[in-house]
mmCIF file of all heavy atoms, coordinates in Angstrom:
data_MODEL
# 
_entry.id   MODEL 
# 
loop_
_atom_site.group_PDB 
_atom_site.id 
_atom_site.type_symbol 
_atom_site.label_atom_id 
_atom_site.label_alt_id 
_atom_site.label_comp_id 
_atom_site.label_asym_id 
_atom_site.label_entity_id 
_atom_site.label_seq_id 
_atom_site.pdbx_PDB_ins_code 
_atom_site.Cartn_x 
_atom_site.Cartn_y 
_atom_site.Cartn_z 
_atom_site.occupancy 
_atom_site.B_iso_or_equiv 
_atom_site.pdbx_formal_charge 
_atom_site.auth_seq_id 
_atom_site.auth_comp_id 
_atom_site.auth_asym_id 
_atom_site.auth_atom_id 
_atom_site.pdbx_PDB_model_num 
ATOM 1   N N   . PRO A 1 1  ? 23.826 -10.933 51.650 1.00 0.00 ? 1  PRO A N   1 
ATOM 2   C CA  . PRO A 1 1  ? 24.414 -9.582  51.730 1.00 0.00 ? 1  PRO A CA  1 
ATOM 3   C C   . PRO A 1 1  ? 25.815 -9.567  52.314 1.00 0.00 ? 1  PRO A C   1 
ATOM 4   O O   . PRO A 1 1  ? 26.569 -8.618  52.085 1.00 0.00 ? 1  PRO A O   1 
ATOM 5   C CB  . PRO A 1 1  ? 23.421 -8.847  52.642 1.00 0.00 ? 1  PRO A CB  1 
ATOM 6   C CG  . PRO A 1 1  ? 22.753 -9.909  53.435 1.00 0.00 ? 1  PRO A CG  1 
ATOM 7   C CD  . PRO A 1 1  ? 22.669 -11.102 52.532 1.00 0.00 ? 1  PRO A CD  1 
ATOM 8   N N   . ALA A 1 2  ? 26.185 -10.624 53.056 1.00 0.00 ? 2  ALA A N   1 
ATOM 9   C CA  . ALA A 1 2  ? 27.551 -10.684 53.585 1.00 0.00 ? 2  ALA A CA  1 
ATOM 10  C C   . ALA A 1 2  ? 28.562 -10.924 52.469 1.00 0.00 ? 2  ALA A C   1 
ATOM 11  O O   . ALA A 1 2  ? 29.724 -10.524 52.596 1.00 0.00 ? 2  ALA A O   1 
ATOM 12  C CB  . ALA A 1 2  ? 27.647 -11.788 54.641 1.00 0.00 ? 2  ALA A CB  1 
ATOM 13  N N   . PHE A 1 3  ? 28.136 -11.568 51.402 1.00 0.00 ? 3  PHE A N   1 
ATOM 14  C CA  . PHE A 1 3  ? 29.027 -11.864 50.282 1.00 0.00 ? 3  PHE A CA  1 
ATOM 15  C C   . PHE A 1 3  ? 28.785 -10.921 49.101 1.00 0.00 ? 3  PHE A C   1 
ATOM 16  O O   . PHE A 1 3  ? 29.720 -10.592 48.365 1.00 0.00 ? 3  PHE A O   1 
ATOM 17  C CB  . PHE A 1 3  ? 28.815 -13.312 49.812 1.00 0.00 ? 3  PHE A CB  1 
ATOM 18  C CG  . PHE A 1 3  ? 29.368 -14.356 50.740 1.00 0.00 ? 3  PHE A CG  1 
ATOM 19  C CD1 . PHE A 1 3  ? 29.948 -14.017 51.955 1.00 0.00 ? 3  PHE A CD1 1 
ATOM 20  C CD2 . PHE A 1 3  ? 29.308 -15.695 50.399 1.00 0.00 ? 3  PHE A CD2 1 
ATOM 21  C CE1 . PHE A 1 3  ? 30.449 -14.983 52.815 1.00 0.00 ? 3  PHE A CE1 1 
ATOM 22  C CE2 . PHE A 1 3  ? 29.812 -16.671 51.241 1.00 0.00 ? 3  PHE A CE2 1 
ATOM 23  C CZ  . PHE A 1 3  ? 30.394 -16.308 52.453 1.00 0.00 ? 3  PHE A CZ  1 
ATOM 24  N N   . PHE A 1 4  ? 27.519 -10.521 48.904 1.00 0.00 ? 4  PHE A N   1 
ATOM 25  C CA  . PHE A 1 4  ? 27.163 -9.682  47.756 1.00 0.00 ? 4  PHE A CA  1 
ATOM 26  C C   . PHE A 1 4  ? 26.306 -8.511  48.232 1.00 0.00 ? 4  PHE A C   1 
ATOM 27  O O   . PHE A 1 4  ? 25.089 -8.518  48.085 1.00 0.00 ? 4  PHE A O   1 
ATOM 28  C CB  . PHE A 1 4  ? 26.410 -10.511 46.715 1.00 0.00 ? 4  PHE A CB  1 
ATOM 29  C CG  . PHE A 1 4  ? 27.208 -11.658 46.136 1.00 0.00 ? 4  PHE A CG  1 
ATOM 30  C CD1 . PHE A 1 4  ? 27.160 -12.914 46.731 1.00 0.00 ? 4  PHE A CD1 1 
ATOM 31  C CD2 . PHE A 1 4  ? 28.019 -11.463 45.045 1.00 0.00 ? 4  PHE A CD2 1 
ATOM 32  C CE1 . PHE A 1 4  ? 27.912 -13.963 46.220 1.00 0.00 ? 4  PHE A CE1 1 
ATOM 33  C CE2 . PHE A 1 4  ? 28.775 -12.499 44.522 1.00 0.00 ? 4  PHE A CE2 1 
ATOM 34  C CZ  . PHE A 1 4  ? 28.726 -13.768 45.115 1.00 0.00 ? 4  PHE A CZ  1 
ATOM 35  N N   . PRO A 1 5  ? 26.951 -7.506  48.840 1.00 0.00 ? 5  PRO A N   1 
ATOM 36  C CA  . PRO A 1 5  ? 26.180 -6.361  49.367 1.00 0.00 ? 5  PRO A CA  1 
ATOM 37  C C   . PRO A 1 5  ? 25.549 -5.504  48.262 1.00 0.00 ? 5  PRO A C   1 
ATOM 38  O O   . PRO A 1 5  ? 24.579 -4.798  48.511 1.00 0.00 ? 5  PRO A O   1 
ATOM 39  C CB  . PRO A 1 5  ? 27.232 -5.578  50.158 1.00 0.00 ? 5  PRO A CB  1 
ATOM 40  C CG  . PRO A 1 5  ? 28.543 -5.971  49.557 1.00 0.00 ? 5  PRO A CG  1 
ATOM 41  C CD  . PRO A 1 5  ? 28.387 -7.398  49.137 1.00 0.00 ? 5  PRO A CD  1 
ATOM 42  N N   . ASP A 1 6  ? 26.103 -5.554  47.056 1.00 0.00 ? 6  ASP A N   1 
ATOM 43  C CA  . ASP A 1 6  ? 25.590 -4.761  45.947 1.00 0.00 ? 6  ASP A CA  1 
ATOM 44  C C   . ASP A 1 6  ? 25.484 -5.635  44.703 1.00 0.00 ? 6  ASP A C   1 
ATOM 45  O O   . ASP A 1 6  ? 26.334 -5.574  43.807 1.00 0.00 ? 6  ASP A O   1 
ATOM 46  C CB  . ASP A 1 6  ? 26.524 -3.567  45.684 1.00 0.00 ? 6  ASP A CB  1 
ATOM 47  C CG  . ASP A 1 6  ? 26.073 -2.695  44.526 1.00 0.00 ? 6  ASP A CG  1 
ATOM 48  O OD1 . ASP A 1 6  ? 24.884 -2.817  44.119 1.00 0.00 ? 6  ASP A OD1 1 
ATOM 49  O OD2 . ASP A 1 6  ? 26.888 -1.910  44.017 1.00 0.00 ? 6  ASP A OD2 1 
ATOM 50  N N   . PRO A 1 7  ? 24.451 -6.481  44.640 1.00 0.00 ? 7  PRO A N   1 
ATOM 51  C CA  . PRO A 1 7  ? 24.363 -7.421  43.513 1.00 0.00 ? 7  PRO A CA  1 
ATOM 52  C C   . PRO A 1 7  ? 24.330 -6.734  42.166 1.00 0.00 ? 7  PRO A C   1 
ATOM 53  O O   . PRO A 1 7  ? 25.008 -7.176  41.211 1.00 0.00 ? 7  PRO A O   1 
ATOM 54  C CB  . PRO A 1 7  ? 23.047 -8.159  43.782 1.00 0.00 ? 7  PRO A CB  1 
ATOM 55  C CG  . PRO A 1 7  ? 22.799 -7.996  45.238 1.00 0.00 ? 7  PRO A CG  1 
ATOM 56  C CD  . PRO A 1 7  ? 23.356 -6.668  45.606 1.00 0.00 ? 7  PRO A CD  1 
ATOM 57  N N   . GLU A 1 8  ? 23.549 -5.650  42.032 1.00 0.00 ? 8  GLU A N   1 
ATOM 58  C CA  . GLU A 1 8  ? 23.460 -4.958  40.741 1.00 0.00 ? 8  GLU A CA  1 
ATOM 59  C C   . GLU A 1 8  ? 24.810 -4.420  40.315 1.00 0.00 ? 8  GLU A C   1 
ATOM 60  O O   . GLU A 1 8  ? 25.200 -4.526  39.149 1.00 0.00 ? 8  GLU A O   1 
ATOM 61  C CB  . GLU A 1 8  ? 22.435 -3.826  40.803 1.00 0.00 ? 8  GLU A CB  1 
ATOM 62  C CG  . GLU A 1 8  ? 20.994 -4.271  40.945 1.00 0.00 ? 8  GLU A CG  1 
ATOM 63  C CD  . GLU A 1 8  ? 20.578 -4.439  42.403 1.00 0.00 ? 8  GLU A CD  1 
ATOM 64  O OE1 . GLU A 1 8  ? 21.468 -4.457  43.282 1.00 0.00 ? 8  GLU A OE1 1 
ATOM 65  O OE2 . GLU A 1 8  ? 19.366 -4.535  42.655 1.00 0.00 ? 8  GLU A OE2 1 
ATOM 66  N N   . GLY A 1 9  ? 25.563 -3.838  41.272 1.00 0.00 ? 9  GLY A N   1 
ATOM 67  C CA  . GLY A 1 9  ? 26.883 -3.327  40.944 1.00 0.00 ? 9  GLY A CA  1 
ATOM 68  C C   . GLY A 1 9  ? 27.835 -4.433  40.548 1.00 0.00 ? 9  GLY A C   1 
ATOM 69  O O   . GLY A 1 9  ? 28.640 -4.283  39.608 1.00 0.00 ? 9  GLY A O   1 
ATOM 70  N N   . PHE A 1 10 ? 27.771 -5.572  41.256 1.00 0.00 ? 10 PHE A N   1 
ATOM 71  C CA  . PHE A 1 10 ? 28.608 -6.727  40.936 1.00 0.00 ? 10 PHE A CA  1 
ATOM 72  C C   . PHE A 1 10 ? 28.326 -7.234  39.531 1.00 0.00 ? 10 PHE A C   1 
ATOM 73  O O   . PHE A 1 10 ? 29.254 -7.434  38.723 1.00 0.00 ? 10 PHE A O   1 
ATOM 74  C CB  . PHE A 1 10 ? 28.360 -7.824  41.970 1.00 0.00 ? 10 PHE A CB  1 
ATOM 75  C CG  . PHE A 1 10 ? 28.904 -9.166  41.610 1.00 0.00 ? 10 PHE A CG  1 
ATOM 76  C CD1 . PHE A 1 10 ? 30.264 -9.398  41.591 1.00 0.00 ? 10 PHE A CD1 1 
ATOM 77  C CD2 . PHE A 1 10 ? 28.038 -10.214 41.282 1.00 0.00 ? 10 PHE A CD2 1 
ATOM 78  C CE1 . PHE A 1 10 ? 30.774 -10.660 41.259 1.00 0.00 ? 10 PHE A CE1 1 
ATOM 79  C CE2 . PHE A 1 10 ? 28.528 -11.462 40.956 1.00 0.00 ? 10 PHE A CE2 1 
ATOM 80  C CZ  . PHE A 1 10 ? 29.898 -11.684 40.944 1.00 0.00 ? 10 PHE A CZ  1 
ATOM 81  N N   . LEU A 1 11 ? 27.061 -7.415  39.207 1.00 0.00 ? 11 LEU A N   1 
ATOM 82  C CA  . LEU A 1 11 ? 26.684 -7.925  37.892 1.00 0.00 ? 11 LEU A CA  1 
ATOM 83  C C   . LEU A 1 11 ? 27.040 -6.932  36.790 1.00 0.00 ? 11 LEU A C   1 
ATOM 84  O O   . LEU A 1 11 ? 27.507 -7.318  35.716 1.00 0.00 ? 11 LEU A O   1 
ATOM 85  C CB  . LEU A 1 11 ? 25.194 -8.239  37.865 1.00 0.00 ? 11 LEU A CB  1 
ATOM 86  C CG  . LEU A 1 11 ? 24.729 -9.361  38.807 1.00 0.00 ? 11 LEU A CG  1 
ATOM 87  C CD1 . LEU A 1 11 ? 23.206 -9.397  38.891 1.00 0.00 ? 11 LEU A CD1 1 
ATOM 88  C CD2 . LEU A 1 11 ? 25.269 -10.707 38.356 1.00 0.00 ? 11 LEU A CD2 1 
ATOM 89  N N   . SER A 1 12 ? 26.824 -5.660  37.054 1.00 0.00 ? 12 SER A N   1 
ATOM 90  C CA  . SER A 1 12 ? 27.140 -4.637  36.068 1.00 0.00 ? 12 SER A CA  1 
ATOM 91  C C   . SER A 1 12 ? 28.638 -4.605  35.764 1.00 0.00 ? 12 SER A C   1 
ATOM 92  O O   . SER A 1 12 ? 29.043 -4.442  34.611 1.00 0.00 ? 12 SER A O   1 
ATOM 93  C CB  . SER A 1 12 ? 26.664 -3.265  36.572 1.00 0.00 ? 12 SER A CB  1 
ATOM 94  O OG  . SER A 1 12 ? 27.013 -2.246  35.668 1.00 0.00 ? 12 SER A OG  1 
ATOM 95  N N   . THR A 1 13 ? 29.456 -4.748  36.817 1.00 0.00 ? 13 THR A N   1 
ATOM 96  C CA  . THR A 1 13 ? 30.911 -4.740  36.612 1.00 0.00 ? 13 THR A CA  1 
ATOM 97  C C   . THR A 1 13 ? 31.363 -5.934  35.775 1.00 0.00 ? 13 THR A C   1 
ATOM 98  O O   . THR A 1 13 ? 32.206 -5.803  34.876 1.00 0.00 ? 13 THR A O   1 
ATOM 99  C CB  . THR A 1 13 ? 31.644 -4.742  37.957 1.00 0.00 ? 13 THR A CB  1 
ATOM 100 O OG1 . THR A 1 13 ? 31.237 -3.609  38.729 1.00 0.00 ? 13 THR A OG1 1 
ATOM 101 C CG2 . THR A 1 13 ? 33.154 -4.697  37.774 1.00 0.00 ? 13 THR A CG2 1 
ATOM 102 N N   . LEU A 1 14 ? 30.787 -7.112  36.063 1.00 0.00 ? 14 LEU A N   1 
ATOM 103 C CA  . LEU A 1 14 ? 31.137 -8.287  35.270 1.00 0.00 ? 14 LEU A CA  1 
ATOM 104 C C   . LEU A 1 14 ? 30.748 -8.096  33.805 1.00 0.00 ? 14 LEU A C   1 
ATOM 105 O O   . LEU A 1 14 ? 31.516 -8.431  32.903 1.00 0.00 ? 14 LEU A O   1 
ATOM 106 C CB  . LEU A 1 14 ? 30.447 -9.529  35.835 1.00 0.00 ? 14 LEU A CB  1 
ATOM 107 C CG  . LEU A 1 14 ? 31.038 -10.123 37.114 1.00 0.00 ? 14 LEU A CG  1 
ATOM 108 C CD1 . LEU A 1 14 ? 30.220 -11.314 37.574 1.00 0.00 ? 14 LEU A CD1 1 
ATOM 109 C CD2 . LEU A 1 14 ? 32.493 -10.549 36.894 1.00 0.00 ? 14 LEU A CD2 1 
ATOM 110 N N   . HIS A 1 15 ? 29.559 -7.554  33.581 1.00 0.00 ? 15 HIS A N   1 
ATOM 111 C CA  . HIS A 1 15 ? 29.126 -7.314  32.195 1.00 0.00 ? 15 HIS A CA  1 
ATOM 112 C C   . HIS A 1 15 ? 30.040 -6.325  31.492 1.00 0.00 ? 15 HIS A C   1 
ATOM 113 O O   . HIS A 1 15 ? 30.343 -6.470  30.301 1.00 0.00 ? 15 HIS A O   1 
ATOM 114 C CB  . HIS A 1 15 ? 27.684 -6.805  32.186 1.00 0.00 ? 15 HIS A CB  1 
ATOM 115 C CG  . HIS A 1 15 ? 26.675 -7.858  32.522 1.00 0.00 ? 15 HIS A CG  1 
ATOM 116 N ND1 . HIS A 1 15 ? 25.422 -7.577  32.976 1.00 0.00 ? 15 HIS A ND1 1 
ATOM 117 C CD2 . HIS A 1 15 ? 26.760 -9.220  32.477 1.00 0.00 ? 15 HIS A CD2 1 
ATOM 118 C CE1 . HIS A 1 15 ? 24.757 -8.694  33.183 1.00 0.00 ? 15 HIS A CE1 1 
ATOM 119 N NE2 . HIS A 1 15 ? 25.545 -9.713  32.877 1.00 0.00 ? 15 HIS A NE2 1 
ATOM 120 N N   . ALA A 1 16 ? 30.492 -5.318  32.227 1.00 0.00 ? 16 ALA A N   1 
ATOM 121 C CA  . ALA A 1 16 ? 31.391 -4.338  31.631 1.00 0.00 ? 16 ALA A CA  1 
ATOM 122 C C   . ALA A 1 16 ? 32.714 -4.964  31.213 1.00 0.00 ? 16 ALA A C   1 
ATOM 123 O O   . ALA A 1 16 ? 33.385 -4.466  30.307 1.00 0.00 ? 16 ALA A O   1 
ATOM 124 C CB  . ALA A 1 16 ? 31.630 -3.202  32.622 1.00 0.00 ? 16 ALA A CB  1 
ATOM 125 N N   . LYS A 1 17 ? 33.077 -6.060  31.879 1.00 0.00 ? 17 LYS A N   1 
ATOM 126 C CA  . LYS A 1 17 ? 34.314 -6.766  31.545 1.00 0.00 ? 17 LYS A CA  1 
ATOM 127 C C   . LYS A 1 17 ? 34.068 -7.846  30.488 1.00 0.00 ? 17 LYS A C   1 
ATOM 128 O O   . LYS A 1 17 ? 34.966 -8.639  30.178 1.00 0.00 ? 17 LYS A O   1 
ATOM 129 C CB  . LYS A 1 17 ? 34.925 -7.378  32.810 1.00 0.00 ? 17 LYS A CB  1 
ATOM 130 C CG  . LYS A 1 17 ? 35.414 -6.357  33.823 1.00 0.00 ? 17 LYS A CG  1 
ATOM 131 C CD  . LYS A 1 17 ? 35.983 -7.028  35.047 1.00 0.00 ? 17 LYS A CD  1 
ATOM 132 C CE  . LYS A 1 17 ? 36.520 -5.998  36.040 1.00 0.00 ? 17 LYS A CE  1 
ATOM 133 N NZ  . LYS A 1 17 ? 37.692 -5.291  35.504 1.00 0.00 ? 17 LYS A NZ  1 
ATOM 134 N N   . GLY A 1 18 ? 32.843 -7.912  29.977 1.00 0.00 ? 18 GLY A N   1 
ATOM 135 C CA  . GLY A 1 18 ? 32.551 -8.872  28.915 1.00 0.00 ? 18 GLY A CA  1 
ATOM 136 C C   . GLY A 1 18 ? 32.143 -10.242 29.400 1.00 0.00 ? 18 GLY A C   1 
ATOM 137 O O   . GLY A 1 18 ? 32.040 -11.169 28.590 1.00 0.00 ? 18 GLY A O   1 
ATOM 138 N N   . ALA A 1 19 ? 31.912 -10.408 30.719 1.00 0.00 ? 19 ALA A N   1 
ATOM 139 C CA  . ALA A 1 19 ? 31.573 -11.707 31.264 1.00 0.00 ? 19 ALA A CA  1 
ATOM 140 C C   . ALA A 1 19 ? 30.058 -11.804 31.499 1.00 0.00 ? 19 ALA A C   1 
ATOM 141 O O   . ALA A 1 19 ? 29.446 -10.855 31.999 1.00 0.00 ? 19 ALA A O   1 
ATOM 142 C CB  . ALA A 1 19 ? 32.308 -11.951 32.580 1.00 0.00 ? 19 ALA A CB  1 
ATOM 143 N N   . HIS A 1 20 ? 29.488 -12.931 31.125 1.00 0.00 ? 20 HIS A N   1 
ATOM 144 C CA  . HIS A 1 20 ? 28.091 -13.209 31.426 1.00 0.00 ? 20 HIS A CA  1 
ATOM 145 C C   . HIS A 1 20 ? 28.013 -14.014 32.718 1.00 0.00 ? 20 HIS A C   1 
ATOM 146 O O   . HIS A 1 20 ? 28.964 -14.705 33.082 1.00 0.00 ? 20 HIS A O   1 
ATOM 147 C CB  . HIS A 1 20 ? 27.449 -13.985 30.275 1.00 0.00 ? 20 HIS A CB  1 
ATOM 148 C CG  . HIS A 1 20 ? 27.369 -13.195 28.996 1.00 0.00 ? 20 HIS A CG  1 
ATOM 149 N ND1 . HIS A 1 20 ? 28.486 -12.974 28.205 1.00 0.00 ? 20 HIS A ND1 1 
ATOM 150 C CD2 . HIS A 1 20 ? 26.340 -12.578 28.390 1.00 0.00 ? 20 HIS A CD2 1 
ATOM 151 C CE1 . HIS A 1 20 ? 28.133 -12.242 27.160 1.00 0.00 ? 20 HIS A CE1 1 
ATOM 152 N NE2 . HIS A 1 20 ? 26.835 -11.999 27.247 1.00 0.00 ? 20 HIS A NE2 1 
ATOM 153 N N   . VAL A 1 21 ? 26.866 -13.955 33.382 1.00 0.00 ? 21 VAL A N   1 
ATOM 154 C CA  . VAL A 1 21 ? 26.757 -14.512 34.730 1.00 0.00 ? 21 VAL A CA  1 
ATOM 155 C C   . VAL A 1 21 ? 25.706 -15.610 34.770 1.00 0.00 ? 21 VAL A C   1 
ATOM 156 O O   . VAL A 1 21 ? 24.580 -15.452 34.294 1.00 0.00 ? 21 VAL A O   1 
ATOM 157 C CB  . VAL A 1 21 ? 26.391 -13.418 35.755 1.00 0.00 ? 21 VAL A CB  1 
ATOM 158 C CG1 . VAL A 1 21 ? 26.354 -14.010 37.162 1.00 0.00 ? 21 VAL A CG1 1 
ATOM 159 C CG2 . VAL A 1 21 ? 27.392 -12.276 35.683 1.00 0.00 ? 21 VAL A CG2 1 
ATOM 160 N N   . CYS A 1 22 ? 26.101 -16.739 35.363 1.00 0.00 ? 22 CYS A N   1 
ATOM 161 C CA  . CYS A 1 22 ? 25.221 -17.883 35.574 1.00 0.00 ? 22 CYS A CA  1 
ATOM 162 C C   . CYS A 1 22 ? 25.171 -18.158 37.080 1.00 0.00 ? 22 CYS A C   1 
ATOM 163 O O   . CYS A 1 22 ? 26.219 -18.239 37.732 1.00 0.00 ? 22 CYS A O   1 
ATOM 164 C CB  . CYS A 1 22 ? 25.757 -19.104 34.829 1.00 0.00 ? 22 CYS A CB  1 
ATOM 165 S SG  . CYS A 1 22 ? 24.902 -20.648 35.167 1.00 0.00 ? 22 CYS A SG  1 
ATOM 166 N N   . LEU A 1 23 ? 23.964 -18.293 37.628 1.00 0.00 ? 23 LEU A N   1 
ATOM 167 C CA  . LEU A 1 23 ? 23.800 -18.592 39.053 1.00 0.00 ? 23 LEU A CA  1 
ATOM 168 C C   . LEU A 1 23 ? 23.354 -20.032 39.247 1.00 0.00 ? 23 LEU A C   1 
ATOM 169 O O   . LEU A 1 23 ? 22.519 -20.550 38.504 1.00 0.00 ? 23 LEU A O   1 
ATOM 170 C CB  . LEU A 1 23 ? 22.771 -17.660 39.706 1.00 0.00 ? 23 LEU A CB  1 
ATOM 171 C CG  . LEU A 1 23 ? 23.114 -16.175 39.811 1.00 0.00 ? 23 LEU A CG  1 
ATOM 172 C CD1 . LEU A 1 23 ? 22.075 -15.462 40.680 1.00 0.00 ? 23 LEU A CD1 1 
ATOM 173 C CD2 . LEU A 1 23 ? 24.507 -15.957 40.365 1.00 0.00 ? 23 LEU A CD2 1 
ATOM 174 N N   . ASN A 1 24 ? 23.894 -20.660 40.302 1.00 0.00 ? 24 ASN A N   1 
ATOM 175 C CA  . ASN A 1 24 ? 23.528 -22.012 40.660 1.00 0.00 ? 24 ASN A CA  1 
ATOM 176 C C   . ASN A 1 24 ? 22.117 -22.060 41.238 1.00 0.00 ? 24 ASN A C   1 
ATOM 177 O O   . ASN A 1 24 ? 21.710 -21.170 41.968 1.00 0.00 ? 24 ASN A O   1 
ATOM 178 C CB  . ASN A 1 24 ? 24.534 -22.532 41.698 1.00 0.00 ? 24 ASN A CB  1 
ATOM 179 C CG  . ASN A 1 24 ? 24.239 -23.942 42.147 1.00 0.00 ? 24 ASN A CG  1 
ATOM 180 O OD1 . ASN A 1 24 ? 23.405 -24.155 43.012 1.00 0.00 ? 24 ASN A OD1 1 
ATOM 181 N ND2 . ASN A 1 24 ? 24.937 -24.906 41.581 1.00 0.00 ? 24 ASN A ND2 1 
ATOM 182 N N   . LEU A 1 25 ? 21.373 -23.119 40.903 1.00 0.00 ? 25 LEU A N   1 
ATOM 183 C CA  . LEU A 1 25 ? 19.967 -23.206 41.285 1.00 0.00 ? 25 LEU A CA  1 
ATOM 184 C C   . LEU A 1 25 ? 19.619 -24.636 41.697 1.00 0.00 ? 25 LEU A C   1 
ATOM 185 O O   . LEU A 1 25 ? 19.873 -25.574 40.971 1.00 0.00 ? 25 LEU A O   1 
ATOM 186 C CB  . LEU A 1 25 ? 19.099 -22.768 40.098 1.00 0.00 ? 25 LEU A CB  1 
ATOM 187 C CG  . LEU A 1 25 ? 17.591 -22.811 40.270 1.00 0.00 ? 25 LEU A CG  1 
ATOM 188 C CD1 . LEU A 1 25 ? 17.156 -21.792 41.319 1.00 0.00 ? 25 LEU A CD1 1 
ATOM 189 C CD2 . LEU A 1 25 ? 16.907 -22.510 38.934 1.00 0.00 ? 25 LEU A CD2 1 
ATOM 190 N N   . HIS A 1 26 ? 19.026 -24.780 42.910 1.00 0.00 ? 26 HIS A N   1 
ATOM 191 C CA  . HIS A 1 26 ? 18.483 -26.058 43.397 1.00 0.00 ? 26 HIS A CA  1 
ATOM 192 C C   . HIS A 1 26 ? 17.034 -25.800 43.840 1.00 0.00 ? 26 HIS A C   1 
ATOM 193 O O   . HIS A 1 26 ? 16.802 -25.458 44.999 1.00 0.00 ? 26 HIS A O   1 
ATOM 194 C CB  . HIS A 1 26 ? 19.260 -26.584 44.592 1.00 0.00 ? 26 HIS A CB  1 
ATOM 195 C CG  . HIS A 1 26 ? 20.662 -26.998 44.303 1.00 0.00 ? 26 HIS A CG  1 
ATOM 196 N ND1 . HIS A 1 26 ? 21.703 -26.109 44.287 1.00 0.00 ? 26 HIS A ND1 1 
ATOM 197 C CD2 . HIS A 1 26 ? 21.205 -28.216 44.043 1.00 0.00 ? 26 HIS A CD2 1 
ATOM 198 C CE1 . HIS A 1 26 ? 22.827 -26.757 44.040 1.00 0.00 ? 26 HIS A CE1 1 
ATOM 199 N NE2 . HIS A 1 26 ? 22.550 -28.032 43.872 1.00 0.00 ? 26 HIS A NE2 1 
ATOM 200 N N   . PRO A 1 27 ? 16.059 -25.957 42.990 1.00 0.00 ? 27 PRO A N   1 
ATOM 201 C CA  . PRO A 1 27 ? 14.708 -25.483 43.347 1.00 0.00 ? 27 PRO A CA  1 
ATOM 202 C C   . PRO A 1 27 ? 13.870 -26.423 44.194 1.00 0.00 ? 27 PRO A C   1 
ATOM 203 O O   . PRO A 1 27 ? 12.782 -26.040 44.635 1.00 0.00 ? 27 PRO A O   1 
ATOM 204 C CB  . PRO A 1 27 ? 14.052 -25.286 41.988 1.00 0.00 ? 27 PRO A CB  1 
ATOM 205 C CG  . PRO A 1 27 ? 14.740 -26.255 41.099 1.00 0.00 ? 27 PRO A CG  1 
ATOM 206 C CD  . PRO A 1 27 ? 16.156 -26.341 41.574 1.00 0.00 ? 27 PRO A CD  1 
# 
């Protein structure tokens, strides 16, 4: 939350700009 307080808003804005989002994963 210190870096991404509004994840849905962040992702929605990127999509509106035509960018798709990939998240890093170490399971």
